[in-house]
Structures are given as C-alpha cells and as structure tokens.
PDB file of all heavy atoms in Angstrom:
ATOM      1  N   ARG A   1     128.722  85.876 124.340  1.00  0.00           N
ATOM      2  CA  ARG A   1     128.039  84.649 123.914  1.00  0.00           C
ATOM      3  C   ARG A   1     128.925  83.899 122.934  1.00  0.00           C
ATOM      4  O   ARG A   1     129.683  84.499 122.163  1.00  0.00           O
ATOM      5  CB  ARG A   1     126.728  84.993 123.206  1.00  0.00           C
ATOM      6  CG  ARG A   1     125.609  85.441 124.077  1.00  0.00           C
ATOM      7  CD  ARG A   1     124.329  85.504 123.242  1.00  0.00           C
ATOM      8  NE  ARG A   1     124.456  86.401 122.113  1.00  0.00           N
ATOM      9  CZ  ARG A   1     123.891  87.594 122.058  1.00  0.00           C
ATOM     10  NH1 ARG A   1     123.197  88.039 123.104  1.00  0.00           N
ATOM     11  NH2 ARG A   1     124.027  88.344 120.992  1.00  0.00           N
ATOM     12  N   ASP A   2     128.819  82.589 122.988  1.00  0.00           N
ATOM     13  CA  ASP A   2     129.423  81.724 121.974  1.00  0.00           C
ATOM     14  C   ASP A   2     128.262  81.042 121.272  1.00  0.00           C
ATOM     15  O   ASP A   2     127.760  80.010 121.733  1.00  0.00           O
ATOM     16  CB  ASP A   2     130.359  80.715 122.628  1.00  0.00           C
ATOM     17  CG  ASP A   2     131.090  79.852 121.603  1.00  0.00           C
ATOM     18  OD1 ASP A   2     130.589  79.719 120.469  1.00  0.00           O
ATOM     19  OD2 ASP A   2     132.128  79.295 121.929  1.00  0.00           O
ATOM     20  N   ASN A   3     127.834  81.638 120.176  1.00  0.00           N
ATOM     21  CA  ASN A   3     126.630  81.124 119.502  1.00  0.00           C
ATOM     22  C   ASN A   3     126.832  79.712 118.963  1.00  0.00           C
ATOM     23  O   ASN A   3     125.895  78.913 118.935  1.00  0.00           O
ATOM     24  CB  ASN A   3     126.222  82.073 118.376  1.00  0.00           C
ATOM     25  CG  ASN A   3     125.699  83.401 118.908  1.00  0.00           C
ATOM     26  OD1 ASN A   3     125.185  83.481 120.016  1.00  0.00           O
ATOM     27  ND2 ASN A   3     125.845  84.446 118.106  1.00  0.00           N
ATOM     28  N   ALA A   4     128.044  79.396 118.557  1.00  0.00           N
ATOM     29  CA  ALA A   4     128.318  78.069 118.014  1.00  0.00           C
ATOM     30  C   ALA A   4     128.092  76.994 119.075  1.00  0.00           C
ATOM     31  O   ALA A   4     127.675  75.880 118.758  1.00  0.00           O
ATOM     32  CB  ALA A   4     129.741  78.000 117.490  1.00  0.00           C
ATOM     33  N   LYS A   5     128.389  77.344 120.337  1.00  0.00           N
ATOM     34  CA  LYS A   5     128.210  76.383 121.435  1.00  0.00           C
ATOM     35  C   LYS A   5     126.909  76.614 122.190  1.00  0.00           C
ATOM     36  O   LYS A   5     126.620  75.903 123.156  1.00  0.00           O
ATOM     37  CB  LYS A   5     129.387  76.482 122.404  1.00  0.00           C
ATOM     38  CG  LYS A   5     130.718  76.084 121.790  1.00  0.00           C
ATOM     39  CD  LYS A   5     131.837  76.178 122.820  1.00  0.00           C
ATOM     40  CE  LYS A   5     133.164  75.759 122.226  1.00  0.00           C
ATOM     41  NZ  LYS A   5     134.265  75.829 123.218  1.00  0.00           N
ATOM     42  N   ASN A   6     126.128  77.624 121.734  1.00  0.00           N
ATOM     43  CA  ASN A   6     124.888  77.990 122.436  1.00  0.00           C
ATOM     44  C   ASN A   6     125.132  78.208 123.920  1.00  0.00           C
ATOM     45  O   ASN A   6     124.429  77.673 124.786  1.00  0.00           O
ATOM     46  CB  ASN A   6     123.795  76.935 122.228  1.00  0.00           C
ATOM     47  CG  ASN A   6     122.401  77.549 122.273  1.00  0.00           C
ATOM     48  OD1 ASN A   6     122.179  78.653 121.770  1.00  0.00           O
ATOM     49  ND2 ASN A   6     121.466  76.837 122.861  1.00  0.00           N
ATOM     50  N   THR A   7     126.135  79.025 124.197  1.00  0.00           N
ATOM     51  CA  THR A   7     126.616  79.234 125.558  1.00  0.00           C
ATOM     52  C   THR A   7     126.836  80.716 125.822  1.00  0.00           C
ATOM     53  O   THR A   7     127.252  81.459 124.933  1.00  0.00           O
ATOM     54  CB  THR A   7     127.941  78.486 125.766  1.00  0.00           C
ATOM     55  OG1 THR A   7     127.708  77.073 125.631  1.00  0.00           O
ATOM     56  CG2 THR A   7     128.532  78.753 127.141  1.00  0.00           C
ATOM     57  N   MET A   8     126.536  81.122 127.039  1.00  0.00           N
ATOM     58  CA  MET A   8     126.876  82.473 127.497  1.00  0.00           C
ATOM     59  C   MET A   8     128.073  82.368 128.432  1.00  0.00           C
ATOM     60  O   MET A   8     128.175  81.403 129.201  1.00  0.00           O
ATOM     61  CB  MET A   8     125.687  83.107 128.218  1.00  0.00           C
ATOM     62  CG  MET A   8     125.947  84.531 128.691  1.00  0.00           C
ATOM     63  SD  MET A   8     124.490  85.286 129.448  1.00  0.00           S
ATOM     64  CE  MET A   8     124.237  84.240 130.867  1.00  0.00           C
ATOM     65  N   VAL A   9     128.942  83.352 128.369  1.00  0.00           N
ATOM     66  CA  VAL A   9     130.200  83.297 129.115  1.00  0.00           C
ATOM     67  C   VAL A   9     130.358  84.546 129.962  1.00  0.00           C
ATOM     68  O   VAL A   9     129.932  85.641 129.581  1.00  0.00           O
ATOM     69  CB  VAL A   9     131.385  83.179 128.136  1.00  0.00           C
ATOM     70  CG1 VAL A   9     132.718  83.260 128.878  1.00  0.00           C
ATOM     71  CG2 VAL A   9     131.301  81.890 127.333  1.00  0.00           C
ATOM     72  N   LEU A  10     130.957  84.375 131.131  1.00  0.00           N
ATOM     73  CA  LEU A  10     131.339  85.518 131.965  1.00  0.00           C
ATOM     74  C   LEU A  10     132.826  85.366 132.294  1.00  0.00           C
ATOM     75  O   LEU A  10     133.215  84.471 133.050  1.00  0.00           O
ATOM     76  CB  LEU A  10     130.515  85.572 133.247  1.00  0.00           C
ATOM     77  CG  LEU A  10     130.770  86.802 134.122  1.00  0.00           C
ATOM     78  CD1 LEU A  10     130.241  88.063 133.417  1.00  0.00           C
ATOM     79  CD2 LEU A  10     130.118  86.644 135.484  1.00  0.00           C
ATOM     80  N   GLN A  11     133.638  86.223 131.706  1.00  0.00           N
ATOM     81  CA  GLN A  11     135.067  86.253 132.008  1.00  0.00           C
ATOM     82  C   GLN A  11     135.276  87.200 133.179  1.00  0.00           C
ATOM     83  O   GLN A  11     134.917  88.374 133.091  1.00  0.00           O
ATOM     84  CB  GLN A  11     135.858  86.727 130.792  1.00  0.00           C
ATOM     85  CG  GLN A  11     137.361  86.839 131.035  1.00  0.00           C
ATOM     86  CD  GLN A  11     138.009  85.486 131.297  1.00  0.00           C
ATOM     87  OE1 GLN A  11     137.732  84.514 130.607  1.00  0.00           O
ATOM     88  NE2 GLN A  11     138.884  85.434 132.302  1.00  0.00           N
ATOM     89  N   MET A  12     135.858  86.678 134.234  1.00  0.00           N
ATOM     90  CA  MET A  12     136.040  87.458 135.450  1.00  0.00           C
ATOM     91  C   MET A  12     137.533  87.599 135.734  1.00  0.00           C
ATOM     92  O   MET A  12     138.226  86.594 135.951  1.00  0.00           O
ATOM     93  CB  MET A  12     135.338  86.779 136.630  1.00  0.00           C
ATOM     94  CG  MET A  12     133.870  86.490 136.371  1.00  0.00           C
ATOM     95  SD  MET A  12     133.004  85.900 137.850  1.00  0.00           S
ATOM     96  CE  MET A  12     133.869  84.374 138.150  1.00  0.00           C
ATOM     97  N   ASN A  13     138.008  88.822 135.717  1.00  0.00           N
ATOM     98  CA  ASN A  13     139.420  89.116 135.991  1.00  0.00           C
ATOM     99  C   ASN A  13     139.544  89.971 137.246  1.00  0.00           C
ATOM    100  O   ASN A  13     138.570  90.572 137.705  1.00  0.00           O
ATOM    101  CB  ASN A  13     140.047  89.843 134.798  1.00  0.00           C
ATOM    102  CG  ASN A  13     140.019  89.016 133.532  1.00  0.00           C
ATOM    103  OD1 ASN A  13     140.094  87.790 133.552  1.00  0.00           O
ATOM    104  ND2 ASN A  13     139.901  89.685 132.385  1.00  0.00           N
ATOM    105  N   SER A  14     140.741  90.040 137.777  1.00  0.00           N
ATOM    106  CA  SER A  14     141.017  90.869 138.957  1.00  0.00           C
ATOM    107  C   SER A  14     140.000  90.596 140.065  1.00  0.00           C
ATOM    108  O   SER A  14     139.420  91.524 140.643  1.00  0.00           O
ATOM    109  CB  SER A  14     141.018  92.352 138.577  1.00  0.00           C
ATOM    110  OG  SER A  14     141.972  92.618 137.574  1.00  0.00           O
ATOM    111  N   LEU A  15     139.778  89.350 140.354  1.00  0.00           N
ATOM    112  CA  LEU A  15     138.754  88.979 141.331  1.00  0.00           C
ATOM    113  C   LEU A  15     139.092  89.483 142.721  1.00  0.00           C
ATOM    114  O   LEU A  15     140.263  89.522 143.132  1.00  0.00           O
ATOM    115  CB  LEU A  15     138.554  87.466 141.328  1.00  0.00           C
ATOM    116  CG  LEU A  15     137.747  86.964 140.135  1.00  0.00           C
ATOM    117  CD1 LEU A  15     137.949  85.478 139.913  1.00  0.00           C
ATOM    118  CD2 LEU A  15     136.259  87.263 140.333  1.00  0.00           C
ATOM    119  N   GLU A  16     138.062  89.876 143.430  1.00  0.00           N
ATOM    120  CA  GLU A  16     138.165  90.421 144.771  1.00  0.00           C
ATOM    121  C   GLU A  16     137.389  89.535 145.734  1.00  0.00           C
ATOM    122  O   GLU A  16     136.515  88.767 145.339  1.00  0.00           O
ATOM    123  CB  GLU A  16     137.605  91.841 144.790  1.00  0.00           C
ATOM    124  CG  GLU A  16     138.267  92.778 143.795  1.00  0.00           C
ATOM    125  CD  GLU A  16     137.558  94.106 143.667  1.00  0.00           C
ATOM    126  OE1 GLU A  16     136.458  94.269 144.250  1.00  0.00           O
ATOM    127  OE2 GLU A  16     138.099  95.012 142.976  1.00  0.00           O
ATOM    128  N   TYR A  17     137.717  89.672 147.034  1.00  0.00           N
ATOM    129  CA  TYR A  17     137.012  88.879 148.041  1.00  0.00           C
ATOM    130  C   TYR A  17     135.491  89.047 147.905  1.00  0.00           C
ATOM    131  O   TYR A  17     134.734  88.080 148.060  1.00  0.00           O
ATOM    132  CB  TYR A  17     137.436  89.299 149.439  1.00  0.00           C
ATOM    133  CG  TYR A  17     138.865  88.978 149.795  1.00  0.00           C
ATOM    134  CD1 TYR A  17     139.792  89.990 149.990  1.00  0.00           C
ATOM    135  CD2 TYR A  17     139.280  87.649 149.964  1.00  0.00           C
ATOM    136  CE1 TYR A  17     141.102  89.701 150.334  1.00  0.00           C
ATOM    137  CE2 TYR A  17     140.588  87.358 150.304  1.00  0.00           C
ATOM    138  CZ  TYR A  17     141.498  88.387 150.484  1.00  0.00           C
ATOM    139  OH  TYR A  17     142.801  88.094 150.822  1.00  0.00           O
ATOM    140  N   GLU A  18     135.075  90.271 147.603  1.00  0.00           N
ATOM    141  CA  GLU A  18     133.644  90.574 147.537  1.00  0.00           C
ATOM    142  C   GLU A  18     132.942  89.911 146.358  1.00  0.00           C
ATOM    143  O   GLU A  18     131.711  89.948 146.267  1.00  0.00           O
ATOM    144  CB  GLU A  18     133.431  92.095 147.466  1.00  0.00           C
ATOM    145  CG  GLU A  18     133.861  92.850 148.711  1.00  0.00           C
ATOM    146  CD  GLU A  18     135.366  92.990 148.864  1.00  0.00           C
ATOM    147  OE1 GLU A  18     136.094  92.802 147.849  1.00  0.00           O
ATOM    148  OE2 GLU A  18     135.818  93.261 149.989  1.00  0.00           O
ATOM    149  N   ASP A  19     133.703  89.328 145.447  1.00  0.00           N
ATOM    150  CA  ASP A  19     133.096  88.624 144.315  1.00  0.00           C
ATOM    151  C   ASP A  19     132.670  87.204 144.673  1.00  0.00           C
ATOM    152  O   ASP A  19     132.024  86.519 143.868  1.00  0.00           O
ATOM    153  CB  ASP A  19     134.080  88.567 143.141  1.00  0.00           C
ATOM    154  CG  ASP A  19     134.403  89.939 142.579  1.00  0.00           C
ATOM    155  OD1 ASP A  19     133.472  90.760 142.453  1.00  0.00           O
ATOM    156  OD2 ASP A  19     135.590  90.181 142.264  1.00  0.00           O
ATOM    157  N   SER A  20     133.005  86.742 145.863  1.00  0.00           N
ATOM    158  CA  SER A  20     132.621  85.399 146.287  1.00  0.00           C
ATOM    159  C   SER A  20     131.105  85.290 146.376  1.00  0.00           C
ATOM    160  O   SER A  20     130.459  86.108 147.046  1.00  0.00           O
ATOM    161  CB  SER A  20     133.240  85.072 147.653  1.00  0.00           C
ATOM    162  OG  SER A  20     134.648  85.025 147.568  1.00  0.00           O
ATOM    163  N   ALA A  21     130.556  84.316 145.700  1.00  0.00           N
ATOM    164  CA  ALA A  21     129.108  84.144 145.657  1.00  0.00           C
ATOM    165  C   ALA A  21     128.784  82.932 144.795  1.00  0.00           C
ATOM    166  O   ALA A  21     129.672  82.374 144.135  1.00  0.00           O
ATOM    167  CB  ALA A  21     128.424  85.386 145.071  1.00  0.00           C
ATOM    168  N   VAL A  22     127.518  82.560 144.804  1.00  0.00           N
ATOM    169  CA  VAL A  22     127.018  81.608 143.825  1.00  0.00           C
ATOM    170  C   VAL A  22     126.553  82.419 142.611  1.00  0.00           C
ATOM    171  O   VAL A  22     125.782  83.372 142.763  1.00  0.00           O
ATOM    172  CB  VAL A  22     125.876  80.752 144.375  1.00  0.00           C
ATOM    173  CG1 VAL A  22     125.359  79.806 143.293  1.00  0.00           C
ATOM    174  CG2 VAL A  22     126.327  79.972 145.596  1.00  0.00           C
ATOM    175  N   TYR A  23     127.035  82.054 141.455  1.00  0.00           N
ATOM    176  CA  TYR A  23     126.712  82.766 140.227  1.00  0.00           C
ATOM    177  C   TYR A  23     125.677  81.976 139.428  1.00  0.00           C
ATOM    178  O   TYR A  23     125.823  80.771 139.221  1.00  0.00           O
ATOM    179  CB  TYR A  23     127.966  82.990 139.397  1.00  0.00           C
ATOM    180  CG  TYR A  23     128.841  84.097 139.941  1.00  0.00           C
ATOM    181  CD1 TYR A  23     129.543  83.939 141.140  1.00  0.00           C
ATOM    182  CD2 TYR A  23     128.947  85.323 139.282  1.00  0.00           C
ATOM    183  CE1 TYR A  23     130.320  84.972 141.656  1.00  0.00           C
ATOM    184  CE2 TYR A  23     129.726  86.350 139.782  1.00  0.00           C
ATOM    185  CZ  TYR A  23     130.406  86.163 140.972  1.00  0.00           C
ATOM    186  OH  TYR A  23     131.173  87.193 141.485  1.00  0.00           O
ATOM    187  N   TYR A  24     124.647  82.699 138.985  1.00  0.00           N
ATOM    188  CA  TYR A  24     123.551  82.099 138.236  1.00  0.00           C
ATOM    189  C   TYR A  24     123.403  82.790 136.880  1.00  0.00           C
ATOM    190  O   TYR A  24     123.574  84.012 136.781  1.00  0.00           O
ATOM    191  CB  TYR A  24     122.238  82.265 138.982  1.00  0.00           C
ATOM    192  CG  TYR A  24     122.182  81.663 140.356  1.00  0.00           C
ATOM    193  CD1 TYR A  24     122.567  82.396 141.477  1.00  0.00           C
ATOM    194  CD2 TYR A  24     121.724  80.357 140.551  1.00  0.00           C
ATOM    195  CE1 TYR A  24     122.499  81.857 142.748  1.00  0.00           C
ATOM    196  CE2 TYR A  24     121.648  79.804 141.820  1.00  0.00           C
ATOM    197  CZ  TYR A  24     122.040  80.556 142.905  1.00  0.00           C
ATOM    198  OH  TYR A  24     121.971  80.015 144.167  1.00  0.00           O
ATOM    199  N   CYS A  25     123.014  82.026 135.886  1.00  0.00           N
ATOM    200  CA  CYS A  25     122.616  82.643 134.625  1.00  0.00           C
ATOM    201  C   CYS A  25     121.108  82.544 134.487  1.00  0.00           C
ATOM    202  O   CYS A  25     120.477  81.667 135.096  1.00  0.00           O
ATOM    203  CB  CYS A  25     123.307  81.997 133.424  1.00  0.00           C
ATOM    204  SG  CYS A  25     122.990  80.245 133.182  1.00  0.00           S
ATOM    205  N   ASN A  26     120.537  83.468 133.731  1.00  0.00           N
ATOM    206  CA  ASN A  26     119.090  83.417 133.524  1.00  0.00           C
ATOM    207  C   ASN A  26     118.703  83.895 132.145  1.00  0.00           C
ATOM    208  O   ASN A  26     119.478  84.517 131.431  1.00  0.00           O
ATOM    209  CB  ASN A  26     118.355  84.174 134.623  1.00  0.00           C
ATOM    210  CG  ASN A  26     118.203  85.651 134.349  1.00  0.00           C
ATOM    211  OD1 ASN A  26     118.892  86.246 133.517  1.00  0.00           O
ATOM    212  ND2 ASN A  26     117.278  86.284 135.068  1.00  0.00           N
ATOM    213  N   VAL A  27     117.468  83.573 131.786  1.00  0.00           N
ATOM    214  CA  VAL A  27     116.891  84.023 130.526  1.00  0.00           C
ATOM    215  C   VAL A  27     115.393  84.154 130.745  1.00  0.00           C
ATOM    216  O   VAL A  27     114.791  83.405 131.524  1.00  0.00           O
ATOM    217  CB  VAL A  27     117.197  83.044 129.375  1.00  0.00           C
ATOM    218  CG1 VAL A  27     116.553  81.681 129.615  1.00  0.00           C
ATOM    219  CG2 VAL A  27     116.771  83.612 128.029  1.00  0.00           C
ATOM    220  N   TYR A  28     114.808  85.146 130.067  1.00  0.00           N
ATOM    221  CA  TYR A  28     113.362  85.344 130.158  1.00  0.00           C
ATOM    222  C   TYR A  28     112.737  84.885 128.854  1.00  0.00           C
ATOM    223  O   TYR A  28     113.020  85.433 127.789  1.00  0.00           O
ATOM    224  CB  TYR A  28     113.020  86.808 130.430  1.00  0.00           C
ATOM    225  CG  TYR A  28     111.535  87.029 130.556  1.00  0.00           C
ATOM    226  CD1 TYR A  28     110.860  86.660 131.701  1.00  0.00           C
ATOM    227  CD2 TYR A  28     110.800  87.585 129.501  1.00  0.00           C
ATOM    228  CE1 TYR A  28     109.490  86.841 131.816  1.00  0.00           C
ATOM    229  CE2 TYR A  28     109.440  87.766 129.612  1.00  0.00           C
ATOM    230  CZ  TYR A  28     108.796  87.397 130.770  1.00  0.00           C
ATOM    231  OH  TYR A  28     107.439  87.570 130.873  1.00  0.00           O
ATOM    232  N   LEU A  29     111.884  83.865 128.965  1.00  0.00           N
ATOM    233  CA  LEU A  29     111.179  83.321 127.801  1.00  0.00           C
ATOM    234  C   LEU A  29     109.710  83.201 128.152  1.00  0.00           C
ATOM    235  O   LEU A  29     109.160  82.106 128.222  1.00  0.00           O
ATOM    236  CB  LEU A  29     111.760  81.951 127.425  1.00  0.00           C
ATOM    237  CG  LEU A  29     113.248  81.891 127.086  1.00  0.00           C
ATOM    238  CD1 LEU A  29     113.701  80.439 126.981  1.00  0.00           C
ATOM    239  CD2 LEU A  29     113.542  82.627 125.797  1.00  0.00           C
ATOM    240  N   GLY A  30     109.105  84.344 128.452  1.00  0.00           N
ATOM    241  CA  GLY A  30     107.729  84.308 128.932  1.00  0.00           C
ATOM    242  C   GLY A  30     107.683  84.125 130.432  1.00  0.00           C
ATOM    243  O   GLY A  30     106.771  84.596 131.112  1.00  0.00           O
ATOM    244  N   LYS A  31     108.639  83.427 130.952  1.00  0.00           N
ATOM    245  CA  LYS A  31     108.920  83.356 132.377  1.00  0.00           C
ATOM    246  C   LYS A  31     110.426  83.263 132.519  1.00  0.00           C
ATOM    247  O   LYS A  31     111.148  82.990 131.556  1.00  0.00           O
ATOM    248  CB  LYS A  31     108.217  82.160 133.021  1.00  0.00           C
ATOM    249  CG  LYS A  31     108.799  80.802 132.645  1.00  0.00           C
ATOM    250  CD  LYS A  31     108.159  79.700 133.487  1.00  0.00           C
ATOM    251  CE  LYS A  31     108.857  78.378 133.265  1.00  0.00           C
ATOM    252  NZ  LYS A  31     108.288  77.295 134.118  1.00  0.00           N
ATOM    253  N   THR A  32     110.901  83.495 133.746  1.00  0.00           N
ATOM    254  CA  THR A  32     112.339  83.510 133.968  1.00  0.00           C
ATOM    255  C   THR A  32     112.845  82.115 134.312  1.00  0.00           C
ATOM    256  O   THR A  32     112.287  81.432 135.178  1.00  0.00           O
ATOM    257  CB  THR A  32     112.691  84.463 135.115  1.00  0.00           C
ATOM    258  OG1 THR A  32     112.236  85.777 134.775  1.00  0.00           O
ATOM    259  CG2 THR A  32     114.193  84.514 135.320  1.00  0.00           C
ATOM    260  N   TYR A  33     113.882  81.725 133.607  1.00  0.00           N
ATOM    261  CA  TYR A  33     114.532  80.456 133.886  1.00  0.00           C
ATOM    262  C   TYR A  33     115.907  80.723 134.508  1.00  0.00           C
ATOM    263  O   TYR A  33     116.618  81.654 134.086  1.00  0.00           O
ATOM    264  CB  TYR A  33     114.724  79.658 132.592  1.00  0.00           C
ATOM    265  CG  TYR A  33     113.437  79.166 131.979  1.00  0.00           C
ATOM    266  CD1 TYR A  33     112.697  79.978 131.121  1.00  0.00           C
ATOM    267  CD2 TYR A  33     112.949  77.886 132.267  1.00  0.00           C
ATOM    268  CE1 TYR A  33     111.519  79.535 130.558  1.00  0.00           C
ATOM    269  CE2 TYR A  33     111.765  77.444 131.696  1.00  0.00           C
ATOM    270  CZ  TYR A  33     111.058  78.269 130.851  1.00  0.00           C
ATOM    271  OH  TYR A  33     109.873  77.814 130.306  1.00  0.00           O
ATOM    272  N   TRP A  34     116.269  79.894 135.478  1.00  0.00           N
ATOM    273  CA  TRP A  34     117.551  80.004 136.167  1.00  0.00           C
ATOM    274  C   TRP A  34     118.312  78.692 136.070  1.00  0.00           C
ATOM    275  O   TRP A  34     117.709  77.617 136.061  1.00  0.00           O
ATOM    276  CB  TRP A  34     117.349  80.330 137.644  1.00  0.00           C
ATOM    277  CG  TRP A  34     116.728  81.654 137.921  1.00  0.00           C
ATOM    278  CD1 TRP A  34     115.407  81.928 138.068  1.00  0.00           C
ATOM    279  CD2 TRP A  34     117.407  82.905 138.088  1.00  0.00           C
ATOM    280  NE1 TRP A  34     115.217  83.269 138.311  1.00  0.00           N
ATOM    281  CE2 TRP A  34     116.425  83.882 138.337  1.00  0.00           C
ATOM    282  CE3 TRP A  34     118.748  83.290 138.060  1.00  0.00           C
ATOM    283  CZ2 TRP A  34     116.748  85.221 138.556  1.00  0.00           C
ATOM    284  CZ3 TRP A  34     119.071  84.614 138.270  1.00  0.00           C
ATOM    285  CH2 TRP A  34     118.079  85.566 138.516  1.00  0.00           C
ATOM    286  N   GLY A  35     119.625  78.794 136.072  1.00  0.00           N
ATOM    287  CA  GLY A  35     120.438  77.614 136.222  1.00  0.00           C
ATOM    288  C   GLY A  35     120.567  77.254 137.692  1.00  0.00           C
ATOM    289  O   GLY A  35     120.003  77.926 138.566  1.00  0.00           O
ATOM    290  N   GLN A  36     121.347  76.221 137.973  1.00  0.00           N
ATOM    291  CA  GLN A  36     121.488  75.749 139.353  1.00  0.00           C
ATOM    292  C   GLN A  36     122.560  76.509 140.118  1.00  0.00           C
ATOM    293  O   GLN A  36     122.645  76.405 141.336  1.00  0.00           O
ATOM    294  CB  GLN A  36     121.822  74.243 139.353  1.00  0.00           C
ATOM    295  CG  GLN A  36     123.301  73.908 139.170  1.00  0.00           C
ATOM    296  CD  GLN A  36     123.807  74.161 137.761  1.00  0.00           C
ATOM    297  OE1 GLN A  36     123.039  74.404 136.840  1.00  0.00           O
ATOM    298  NE2 GLN A  36     125.121  74.112 137.580  1.00  0.00           N
ATOM    299  N   GLY A  37     123.380  77.258 139.385  1.00  0.00           N
ATOM    300  CA  GLY A  37     124.413  78.075 140.022  1.00  0.00           C
ATOM    301  C   GLY A  37     125.762  77.390 140.086  1.00  0.00           C
ATOM    302  O   GLY A  37     125.855  76.155 140.076  1.00  0.00           O
ATOM    303  N   THR A  38     126.806  78.211 140.149  1.00  0.00           N
ATOM    304  CA  THR A  38     128.160  77.714 140.317  1.00  0.00           C
ATOM    305  C   THR A  38     128.873  78.582 141.355  1.00  0.00           C
ATOM    306  O   THR A  38     128.765  79.805 141.311  1.00  0.00           O
ATOM    307  CB  THR A  38     128.929  77.688 138.980  1.00  0.00           C
ATOM    308  OG1 THR A  38     130.202  77.060 139.150  1.00  0.00           O
ATOM    309  CG2 THR A  38     129.118  79.069 138.379  1.00  0.00           C
ATOM    310  N   GLN A  39     129.554  77.952 142.277  1.00  0.00           N
ATOM    311  CA  GLN A  39     130.168  78.657 143.403  1.00  0.00           C
ATOM    312  C   GLN A  39     131.503  79.268 142.992  1.00  0.00           C
ATOM    313  O   GLN A  39     132.366  78.582 142.423  1.00  0.00           O
ATOM    314  CB  GLN A  39     130.397  77.698 144.572  1.00  0.00           C
ATOM    315  CG  GLN A  39     131.104  78.315 145.769  1.00  0.00           C
ATOM    316  CD  GLN A  39     130.223  79.293 146.521  1.00  0.00           C
ATOM    317  OE1 GLN A  39     129.088  78.981 146.872  1.00  0.00           O
ATOM    318  NE2 GLN A  39     130.752  80.488 146.788  1.00  0.00           N
ATOM    319  N   VAL A  40     131.666  80.532 143.310  1.00  0.00           N
ATOM    320  CA  VAL A  40     132.941  81.226 143.136  1.00  0.00           C
ATOM    321  C   VAL A  40     133.418  81.668 144.509  1.00  0.00           C
ATOM    322  O   VAL A  40     132.692  82.366 145.225  1.00  0.00           O
ATOM    323  CB  VAL A  40     132.801  82.440 142.197  1.00  0.00           C
ATOM    324  CG1 VAL A  40     134.081  83.267 142.196  1.00  0.00           C
ATOM    325  CG2 VAL A  40     132.452  81.984 140.788  1.00  0.00           C
ATOM    326  N   THR A  41     134.603  81.251 144.882  1.00  0.00           N
ATOM    327  CA  THR A  41     135.170  81.630 146.162  1.00  0.00           C
ATOM    328  C   THR A  41     136.520  82.293 145.925  1.00  0.00           C
ATOM    329  O   THR A  41     137.415  81.682 145.322  1.00  0.00           O
ATOM    330  CB  THR A  41     135.352  80.416 147.079  1.00  0.00           C
ATOM    331  OG1 THR A  41     134.087  79.772 147.264  1.00  0.00           O
ATOM    332  CG2 THR A  41     135.914  80.839 148.435  1.00  0.00           C
ATOM    333  N   VAL A  42     136.634  83.520 146.384  1.00  0.00           N
ATOM    334  CA  VAL A  42     137.890  84.264 146.264  1.00  0.00           C
ATOM    335  C   VAL A  42     138.517  84.309 147.652  1.00  0.00           C
ATOM    336  O   VAL A  42     137.954  84.918 148.567  1.00  0.00           O
ATOM    337  CB  VAL A  42     137.672  85.675 145.715  1.00  0.00           C
ATOM    338  CG1 VAL A  42     139.011  86.384 145.527  1.00  0.00           C
ATOM    339  CG2 VAL A  42     136.903  85.617 144.403  1.00  0.00           C
ATOM    340  N   SER A  43     139.646  83.648 147.786  1.00  0.00           N
ATOM    341  CA  SER A  43     140.276  83.541 149.094  1.00  0.00           C
ATOM    342  C   SER A  43     141.767  83.305 148.942  1.00  0.00           C
ATOM    343  O   SER A  43     142.209  82.655 147.990  1.00  0.00           O
ATOM    344  CB  SER A  43     139.645  82.394 149.882  1.00  0.00           C
ATOM    345  OG  SER A  43     140.307  82.212 151.119  1.00  0.00           O
ATOM    346  N   SER A  44     142.522  83.831 149.895  1.00  0.00           N
ATOM    347  CA  SER A  44     143.965  83.607 149.892  1.00  0.00           C
ATOM    348  C   SER A  44     144.318  82.417 150.778  1.00  0.00           C
ATOM    349  O   SER A  44     145.489  82.067 150.909  1.00  0.00           O
ATOM    350  CB  SER A  44     144.703  84.857 150.353  1.00  0.00           C
ATOM    351  OG  SER A  44     144.237  85.260 151.629  1.00  0.00           O
TER     352      SER A  44
END
C-alpha cells in the first residue's frame, strides 16, 4: 500500500503466460466493492 496516495499496488515480476488476465482490486466495506479491472497480457 501507498498510504500517502491512498493506493494499493501489485508489483509483478517474472511474468508468465499464465498470468495473462484481467486484474481487479477489491475491498470489503459491509459489501464488496470492485474496480473495473486492468488487462495484463503476457506474450512474446
């Protein structure tokens, strides 16, 4: 987390083909909230 920016971060290294997906963040505040997602594509 970067509390100063009110942001959560995912550092992804050594990416593999199988990591290709839409990535979502979420938080539970009485109910679950989701972001809209960001596409990660691992390809040569």
